[in-house]
Amino acid sequence: MTKTIILLIIAFVALMVFNFLVKALWRVRKDGWGAFWGKLKSAGQGPRVDADAHYTEEELRKFSLGNLYVYQQQGTLNTTFATGVLNNVRETILYSYFSIKDHTSAVETLQWLASAPSQTAFHYVYEAFLQGKEGKKWLRAHEELKDHSDFVADCVEKLENLQNNFEYLVSEGIVASQEDMGRIGVLAWDAGRLNFIARLCHEQGFIDKDLCLQCVDVAYEMTKDAYTGWKDYAYSYVLGRTLSMGSANMSGLAKELLEKPESPWSYVKW
């Protein structure tokens, strides 16, 4: 009996190791060895801050809009233009995730983010979600969208992601109800990425400091009256990422940024 239990434990551990290696290899193929190794070394270290940084509350309020993306990539939370993200991670995000390779592509992407594309799609996705099982049919038959097949396909994908994750979002407290979800929307997902990607583009030398600051200001103007506090903003970001990526696994990071004393979100007023 004891020998059987030992063998079962060994098999279980082997399976866990195998699953970890499969996920690690997938991440390496997606991000490259440099980015993967940088994230692995930083894992479990908690929020990173610069003890010598002394910025005003106004500065931190604006630049902290990108902090969920910064935190996800093990960057520094209490800075302005500098994200603290490793060079190879920054290049992977810009080149591979956003296809930004020069000034022109940087400006095009930043203008796209500033147009709040996810919030625009959410308007239709949310209404489709309220239709229940008829949601996809409602989207495909919508008069306003009949000549925009690519946009409809994107909305259908986001709808599926929402349907698959809604119960989890409720259980995590990200949204309290369908109505609450409609209230917070996903504008933070657009604004947070605009803030972070602009700063990465500046660090990479694709845009100058003035244009970067303009993007930070635009992100701030997009959100300052849309939310009443960091909590709504953070949960809106998580909701937006869930619709786009199909996973609600950012909820834990959002809660950490709201609660940990090192995080500017815990001491900077909205």
Protein backbone atom coordinates (compact mmCIF):
# COMPACT_ATOMS: atom_id res chain seq x y z
CA MET A 1 0.00 0.00 0.00
CA THR A 2 2.79 2.39 0.94
CA LYS A 3 4.63 1.62 -2.30
CA THR A 4 1.45 2.34 -4.29
CA ILE A 5 0.97 5.70 -2.58
CA ILE A 6 4.59 6.64 -3.27
CA LEU A 7 4.18 5.74 -6.95
CA LEU A 8 1.00 7.82 -7.17
CA ILE A 9 2.77 10.80 -5.62
CA ILE A 10 5.68 10.43 -8.04
CA ALA A 11 3.25 10.21 -10.98
CA PHE A 12 1.41 13.31 -9.77
CA VAL A 13 4.64 15.31 -9.41
CA ALA A 14 5.81 14.15 -12.83
CA LEU A 15 2.52 15.31 -14.35
CA MET A 16 2.85 18.72 -12.69
CA VAL A 17 6.42 19.07 -13.98
CA PHE A 18 5.32 18.03 -17.45
CA ASN A 19 2.51 20.62 -17.48
CA PHE A 20 4.94 23.32 -16.33
CA LEU A 21 7.43 22.43 -19.08
CA VAL A 22 4.71 22.45 -21.75
CA LYS A 23 3.55 25.91 -20.65
CA ALA A 24 7.15 27.13 -20.40
CA LEU A 25 8.00 25.92 -23.91
CA TRP A 26 4.86 27.57 -25.27
CA ARG A 27 5.88 30.83 -23.60
CA VAL A 28 9.42 30.55 -24.97
CA ARG A 29 8.11 30.05 -28.48
CA LYS A 30 5.83 33.07 -28.07
CA ASP A 31 8.14 35.48 -26.25
CA GLY A 32 11.66 34.21 -26.88
CA TRP A 33 14.20 32.94 -24.36
CA GLY A 34 15.27 36.39 -23.16
CA ALA A 35 11.80 37.56 -22.24
CA PHE A 36 10.89 34.23 -20.65
CA TRP A 37 14.05 34.09 -18.54
CA GLY A 38 13.59 37.69 -17.41
CA LYS A 39 10.05 36.98 -16.24
CA LEU A 40 11.11 33.76 -14.53
CA LYS A 41 13.82 35.53 -12.55
CA SER A 42 11.39 38.24 -11.46
CA ALA A 43 8.53 35.90 -10.53
CA GLY A 44 7.35 36.07 -6.94
CA GLN A 45 9.23 39.28 -6.11
CA GLY A 46 6.08 41.38 -5.63
CA PRO A 47 5.67 45.01 -6.71
CA ARG A 48 8.87 46.75 -7.78
CA VAL A 49 9.34 50.37 -6.78
CA ASP A 50 12.18 52.89 -6.98
CA ALA A 51 13.00 53.93 -3.43
CA ASP A 52 14.74 57.07 -4.74
CA ALA A 53 11.86 58.24 -6.92
CA HIS A 54 10.06 61.38 -5.77
CA TYR A 55 7.24 62.35 -8.11
CA THR A 56 4.20 64.47 -7.40
CA GLU A 57 0.81 62.90 -6.84
CA GLU A 58 -0.39 64.47 -10.08
CA GLU A 59 2.43 62.84 -12.03
CA LEU A 60 1.87 59.44 -10.45
CA ARG A 61 -1.88 59.68 -10.99
CA LYS A 62 -1.38 60.01 -14.74
CA PHE A 63 1.50 57.63 -15.27
CA SER A 64 0.06 54.94 -12.97
CA LEU A 65 -2.74 54.27 -15.44
CA GLY A 66 -0.38 51.82 -17.12
CA ASN A 67 0.56 50.01 -13.94
CA LEU A 68 -1.33 46.78 -14.49
CA TYR A 69 0.64 46.21 -17.69
CA VAL A 70 3.81 47.40 -15.93
CA TYR A 71 3.24 45.03 -13.02
CA GLN A 72 2.45 42.12 -15.32
CA GLN A 73 5.84 42.65 -16.99
CA GLN A 74 7.74 43.10 -13.69
CA GLY A 75 8.37 46.81 -14.27
CA THR A 76 8.67 49.65 -11.75
CA LEU A 77 5.41 51.10 -10.45
CA ASN A 78 6.28 54.54 -9.07
CA THR A 79 8.00 56.04 -12.11
CA THR A 80 6.97 58.26 -14.98
CA PHE A 81 8.48 57.80 -18.45
CA ALA A 82 10.72 54.86 -17.52
CA THR A 83 8.80 51.60 -17.12
CA GLY A 84 11.62 49.52 -15.67
CA VAL A 85 10.72 46.69 -18.06
CA LEU A 86 13.64 44.61 -19.34
CA ASN A 87 14.87 45.52 -22.82
CA ASN A 88 14.11 42.13 -24.35
CA VAL A 89 10.62 42.12 -22.86
CA ARG A 90 9.99 45.60 -24.23
CA GLU A 91 11.11 44.57 -27.70
CA THR A 92 8.93 41.45 -27.63
CA ILE A 93 5.86 43.49 -26.72
CA LEU A 94 6.49 46.16 -29.34
CA TYR A 95 7.69 43.96 -32.21
CA SER A 96 5.69 40.77 -31.69
CA TYR A 97 2.51 41.82 -29.89
CA PHE A 98 1.86 45.22 -31.49
CA SER A 99 3.93 45.06 -34.72
CA ILE A 100 5.64 48.34 -33.81
CA LYS A 101 9.00 48.58 -35.54
CA ASP A 102 9.56 52.31 -36.16
CA HIS A 103 8.15 55.78 -35.60
CA THR A 104 5.40 55.42 -38.21
CA SER A 105 4.03 52.14 -36.87
CA ALA A 106 4.31 53.49 -33.33
CA VAL A 107 2.19 56.54 -34.12
CA GLU A 108 -0.39 54.43 -35.99
CA THR A 109 -0.77 52.05 -33.06
CA LEU A 110 -0.98 54.82 -30.48
CA GLN A 111 -3.64 56.61 -32.50
CA TRP A 112 -5.56 53.34 -32.72
CA LEU A 113 -5.43 52.84 -28.95
CA ALA A 114 -6.46 56.45 -28.39
CA SER A 115 -9.60 55.80 -30.44
CA ALA A 116 -10.74 53.32 -27.73
CA PRO A 117 -11.26 50.34 -30.08
CA SER A 118 -12.08 47.89 -27.30
CA GLN A 119 -14.71 50.14 -25.74
CA THR A 120 -16.28 50.59 -29.17
CA ALA A 121 -16.51 46.82 -29.61
CA PHE A 122 -17.76 46.40 -26.05
CA HIS A 123 -20.84 48.45 -26.85
CA TYR A 124 -21.97 45.72 -29.24
CA VAL A 125 -20.55 42.78 -27.30
CA TYR A 126 -22.39 43.79 -24.13
CA GLU A 127 -25.69 44.19 -25.95
CA ALA A 128 -25.16 40.80 -27.60
CA PHE A 129 -24.37 39.24 -24.21
CA LEU A 130 -27.71 40.45 -22.89
CA GLN A 131 -29.39 38.55 -25.74
CA GLY A 132 -28.26 35.25 -24.25
CA LYS A 133 -28.09 32.36 -26.72
CA GLU A 134 -29.17 34.67 -29.53
CA GLY A 135 -26.15 36.96 -29.04
CA LYS A 136 -24.08 35.82 -32.02
CA LYS A 137 -27.12 35.89 -34.29
CA TRP A 138 -27.92 39.40 -33.04
CA LEU A 139 -24.41 40.60 -33.87
CA ARG A 140 -24.37 39.11 -37.36
CA ALA A 141 -27.78 40.57 -38.16
CA HIS A 142 -27.11 44.05 -36.79
CA GLU A 143 -27.90 46.66 -39.42
CA GLU A 144 -25.03 48.96 -38.43
CA LEU A 145 -22.48 46.15 -38.82
CA LYS A 146 -23.60 44.50 -42.07
CA ASP A 147 -20.65 45.93 -44.06
CA HIS A 148 -18.05 45.29 -41.35
CA SER A 149 -17.46 41.54 -41.34
CA ASP A 150 -14.03 41.74 -39.67
CA PHE A 151 -15.41 43.84 -36.84
CA VAL A 152 -18.32 41.44 -36.39
CA ALA A 153 -15.93 38.49 -36.24
CA ASP A 154 -13.91 40.30 -33.57
CA CYS A 155 -17.06 41.02 -31.58
CA VAL A 156 -18.17 37.39 -31.82
CA GLU A 157 -14.81 36.25 -30.47
CA LYS A 158 -15.03 38.74 -27.60
CA LEU A 159 -18.58 37.61 -26.88
CA GLU A 160 -17.43 34.01 -26.61
CA ASN A 161 -14.65 35.04 -24.25
CA LEU A 162 -17.12 36.93 -22.10
CA GLN A 163 -19.59 34.06 -22.02
CA ASN A 164 -16.84 31.65 -21.01
CA ASN A 165 -15.51 33.87 -18.23
CA PHE A 166 -18.50 35.77 -16.86
CA GLU A 167 -19.18 33.47 -13.93
CA TYR A 168 -15.52 33.58 -12.93
CA LEU A 169 -15.49 37.37 -13.14
CA VAL A 170 -18.47 37.48 -10.80
CA SER A 171 -16.89 35.00 -8.38
CA GLU A 172 -13.72 37.11 -8.30
CA GLY A 173 -15.69 40.27 -7.62
CA ILE A 174 -14.56 41.94 -10.84
CA VAL A 175 -18.18 42.53 -11.80
CA ALA A 176 -21.18 42.21 -9.51
CA SER A 177 -23.80 41.71 -12.24
CA GLN A 178 -24.54 42.20 -15.91
CA GLU A 179 -25.56 45.77 -15.16
CA ASP A 180 -22.35 46.43 -13.25
CA MET A 181 -20.34 45.11 -16.18
CA GLY A 182 -22.09 47.51 -18.50
CA ARG A 183 -21.34 50.34 -16.10
CA ILE A 184 -17.56 49.85 -15.88
CA GLY A 185 -17.03 48.89 -19.52
CA VAL A 186 -13.51 48.30 -20.86
CA LEU A 187 -12.21 51.81 -21.51
CA ALA A 188 -9.41 51.22 -18.99
CA TRP A 189 -8.05 48.42 -21.19
CA ASP A 190 -7.58 50.92 -24.04
CA ALA A 191 -6.23 53.72 -21.82
CA GLY A 192 -3.90 51.50 -19.82
CA ARG A 193 -2.31 50.09 -22.97
CA LEU A 194 -2.05 53.54 -24.54
CA ASN A 195 -0.15 54.75 -21.48
CA PHE A 196 2.18 51.76 -21.28
CA ILE A 197 2.86 51.29 -25.00
CA ALA A 198 3.61 55.00 -25.43
CA ARG A 199 6.21 54.78 -22.69
CA LEU A 200 7.73 51.65 -24.25
CA CYS A 201 7.89 53.43 -27.61
CA HIS A 202 9.67 56.34 -25.96
CA GLU A 203 12.16 54.03 -24.26
CA GLN A 204 12.77 52.28 -27.58
CA GLY A 205 13.44 55.63 -29.28
CA PHE A 206 10.43 55.45 -31.60
CA ILE A 207 8.75 58.61 -30.24
CA ASP A 208 10.04 61.65 -28.38
CA LYS A 209 9.19 62.68 -24.84
CA ASP A 210 6.61 65.26 -25.90
CA LEU A 211 4.56 62.75 -27.91
CA CYS A 212 4.80 60.22 -25.11
CA LEU A 213 3.45 62.76 -22.64
CA GLN A 214 0.64 63.63 -25.04
CA CYS A 215 -0.39 59.97 -25.07
CA VAL A 216 -0.24 59.79 -21.28
CA ASP A 217 -2.43 62.89 -21.09
CA VAL A 218 -4.91 61.46 -23.61
CA ALA A 219 -5.20 58.25 -21.58
CA TYR A 220 -5.82 60.31 -18.46
CA GLU A 221 -8.50 62.43 -20.14
CA MET A 222 -10.17 59.26 -21.44
CA THR A 223 -10.63 57.88 -17.96
CA LYS A 224 -10.66 60.64 -15.33
CA ASP A 225 -14.44 61.14 -15.48
CA ALA A 226 -15.31 57.59 -16.54
CA TYR A 227 -14.42 56.06 -13.18
CA THR A 228 -14.77 57.05 -9.55
CA GLY A 229 -11.66 55.31 -8.26
CA TRP A 230 -8.79 52.92 -8.93
CA LYS A 231 -10.95 49.88 -8.18
CA ASP A 232 -13.40 50.52 -11.02
CA TYR A 233 -10.50 51.39 -13.30
CA ALA A 234 -8.59 48.20 -12.41
CA TYR A 235 -11.63 45.97 -12.84
CA SER A 236 -12.49 47.61 -16.16
CA TYR A 237 -8.96 46.82 -17.35
CA VAL A 238 -9.34 43.19 -16.26
CA LEU A 239 -12.69 42.95 -18.03
CA GLY A 240 -11.23 44.40 -21.21
CA ARG A 241 -8.29 42.03 -21.15
CA THR A 242 -10.64 39.10 -20.56
CA LEU A 243 -12.66 39.95 -23.66
CA SER A 244 -9.53 40.36 -25.77
CA MET A 245 -7.37 37.53 -24.42
CA GLY A 246 -9.96 35.02 -23.27
CA SER A 247 -8.60 34.78 -19.74
CA ALA A 248 -9.48 36.58 -16.50
CA ASN A 249 -6.17 35.73 -14.86
CA MET A 250 -5.28 39.40 -14.27
CA SER A 251 -7.76 39.71 -11.40
CA GLY A 252 -5.18 38.74 -8.78
CA LEU A 253 -2.67 41.31 -10.01
CA ALA A 254 -5.34 44.00 -10.01
CA LYS A 255 -6.24 43.28 -6.40
CA GLU A 256 -2.57 43.35 -5.39
CA LEU A 257 -2.10 46.79 -6.92
CA LEU A 258 -5.16 48.04 -5.07
CA GLU A 259 -4.04 46.64 -1.72
CA LYS A 260 -0.26 46.55 -1.49
CA PRO A 261 1.20 49.65 0.22
CA GLU A 262 4.05 49.86 -2.32
CA SER A 263 1.56 50.40 -5.13
CA PRO A 264 0.71 54.04 -6.02
CA TRP A 265 -2.92 52.93 -6.41
CA SER A 266 -3.06 52.43 -2.64
CA TYR A 267 -2.02 56.00 -1.76
CA VAL A 268 -2.61 58.24 -4.79
CA LYS A 269 -6.12 59.64 -4.96
CA TRP A 270 -8.09 59.02 -8.14
